[in-house]
C-alpha atoms as a PDB file:
ATOM      1  CA  MET A   1      92.276 122.028 110.438  1.00  0.00           C
ATOM      2  CA  THR A   2      90.749 119.169 113.131  1.00  0.00           C
ATOM      3  CA  GLY A   3      89.683 117.839 110.341  1.00  0.00           C
ATOM      4  CA  ARG A   4      92.712 116.519 109.145  1.00  0.00           C
ATOM      5  CA  THR A   5      94.330 115.528 112.389  1.00  0.00           C
ATOM      6  CA  ALA A   6      91.406 113.325 113.397  1.00  0.00           C
ATOM      7  CA  THR A   7      92.181 111.469 109.187  1.00  0.00           C
ATOM      8  CA  GLY A   8      95.544 111.145 109.897  1.00  0.00           C
ATOM      9  CA  GLU A   9      95.097 109.400 114.192  1.00  0.00           C
ATOM     10  CA  GLY A  10      92.861 107.209 112.149  1.00  0.00           C
ATOM     11  CA  ALA A  11      95.414 106.366 108.866  1.00  0.00           C
ATOM     12  CA  ARG A  12      97.713 105.540 112.007  1.00  0.00           C
ATOM     13  CA  GLY A  13      94.884 103.441 113.719  1.00  0.00           C
ATOM     14  CA  ALA A  14      93.809 101.891 110.245  1.00  0.00           C
ATOM     15  CA  GLY A  15      96.594  98.629 110.831  1.00  0.00           C
ATOM     16  CA  ARG A  16     100.879  98.864 110.153  1.00  0.00           C
ATOM     17  CA  GLU A  17     100.515  96.431 108.160  1.00  0.00           C
ATOM     18  CA  GLU A  18      99.038  98.334 105.382  1.00  0.00           C
ATOM     19  CA  SER A  19     100.837 100.910 105.876  1.00  0.00           C
ATOM     20  CA  ASP A  20     103.957  98.830 105.991  1.00  0.00           C
ATOM     21  CA  ALA A  21     103.026  97.510 103.333  1.00  0.00           C
ATOM     22  CA  ALA A  22     101.877 101.349 101.219  1.00  0.00           C
ATOM     23  CA  ARG A  23     105.829 101.820 103.086  1.00  0.00           C
ATOM     24  CA  ARG A  24     107.289  99.004 100.555  1.00  0.00           C
ATOM     25  CA  ARG A  25     105.325 100.105  97.400  1.00  0.00           C
ATOM     26  CA  ARG A  26     106.668 103.582  97.830  1.00  0.00           C
ATOM     27  CA  ARG A  27     109.772 102.610  98.704  1.00  0.00           C
ATOM     28  CA  ALA A  28     110.829 100.529  95.524  1.00  0.00           C
ATOM     29  CA  GLN A  29     108.715 102.972  92.975  1.00  0.00           C
ATOM     30  CA  PHE A  30     110.770 105.593  94.540  1.00  0.00           C
ATOM     31  CA  LEU A  31     114.320 103.456  93.952  1.00  0.00           C
ATOM     32  CA  ARG A  32     113.138 101.916  90.768  1.00  0.00           C
ATOM     33  CA  GLU A  33     113.123 106.029  88.909  1.00  0.00           C
ATOM     34  CA  LEU A  34     116.161 106.304  90.835  1.00  0.00           C
ATOM     35  CA  THR A  35     117.624 102.878  88.407  1.00  0.00           C
ATOM     36  CA  GLU A  36     116.180 104.693  85.835  1.00  0.00           C
ATOM     37  CA  ALA A  37     117.060 107.957  86.066  1.00  0.00           C
ATOM     38  CA  ARG A  38     120.633 106.799  86.050  1.00  0.00           C
ATOM     39  CA  GLU A  39     120.489 104.633  83.318  1.00  0.00           C
ATOM     40  CA  LEU A  40     119.281 107.974  82.034  1.00  0.00           C
ATOM     41  CA  ARG A  41     121.809 109.837  82.417  1.00  0.00           C
ATOM     42  CA  ASP A  42     125.052 107.031  82.416  1.00  0.00           C
ATOM     43  CA  ARG A  43     123.748 107.274  78.183  1.00  0.00           C
ATOM     44  CA  VAL A  44     123.369 111.175  78.169  1.00  0.00           C
ATOM     45  CA  GLN A  45     126.774 111.266  79.657  1.00  0.00           C
ATOM     46  CA  PRO A  46     129.349 108.229  79.317  1.00  0.00           C
ATOM     47  CA  ARG A  47     132.351 109.738  80.170  1.00  0.00           C
ATOM     48  CA  ARG A  48     131.268 110.486  83.431  1.00  0.00           C
ATOM     49  CA  ALA A  49     129.129 107.419  84.182  1.00  0.00           C
ATOM     50  CA  LYS A  50     132.505 105.418  83.246  1.00  0.00           C
ATOM     51  CA  ALA A  51     134.612 108.230  85.466  1.00  0.00           C
ATOM     52  CA  ALA A  52     132.122 107.068  87.509  1.00  0.00           C
ATOM     53  CA  ARG A  53     133.094 103.245  87.188  1.00  0.00           C
ATOM     54  CA  LEU A  54     136.853 103.939  87.341  1.00  0.00           C
ATOM     55  CA  ARG A  55     135.938 105.682  91.601  1.00  0.00           C
ATOM     56  CA  HIS A  56     133.671 103.960  92.278  1.00  0.00           C
ATOM     57  CA  ALA A  57     135.997  99.981  91.306  1.00  0.00           C
ATOM     58  CA  MET A  58     138.840 102.195  93.155  1.00  0.00           C
ATOM     59  CA  ARG A  59     137.162 102.426  96.087  1.00  0.00           C
ATOM     60  CA  MET A  60     135.736  98.718  95.773  1.00  0.00           C
ATOM     61  CA  ARG A  61     139.436  97.896  95.849  1.00  0.00           C
ATOM     62  CA  THR A  62     141.340  99.453  98.050  1.00  0.00           C
ATOM     63  CA  PHE A  63     137.774  98.844 100.436  1.00  0.00           C
ATOM     64  CA  ARG A  64     139.789  96.446 103.338  1.00  0.00           C
ATOM     65  CA  TRP A  65     136.575  93.665 104.229  1.00  0.00           C
END
C-alpha cells in the first residue's frame, strides 16, 4: 500500500504538462468512441435517430440566443 502512495505522489510530481497531455489524449479517445457509438446507434435504430434529430431541432428553434 505504501508503494502505491509513493508512486502516486511521484506521478503527480513528474510534470503537469505530461499529465495534461495524457488527460487530453484520454479525453480525445473517449470523444472519438462516443461519436462512433452514436453513429452506430443511429445506423441500427434509424427511427429513434430521426426522432432524436427532430427533438434536437425543436430545442434549437426554441432556444433564445
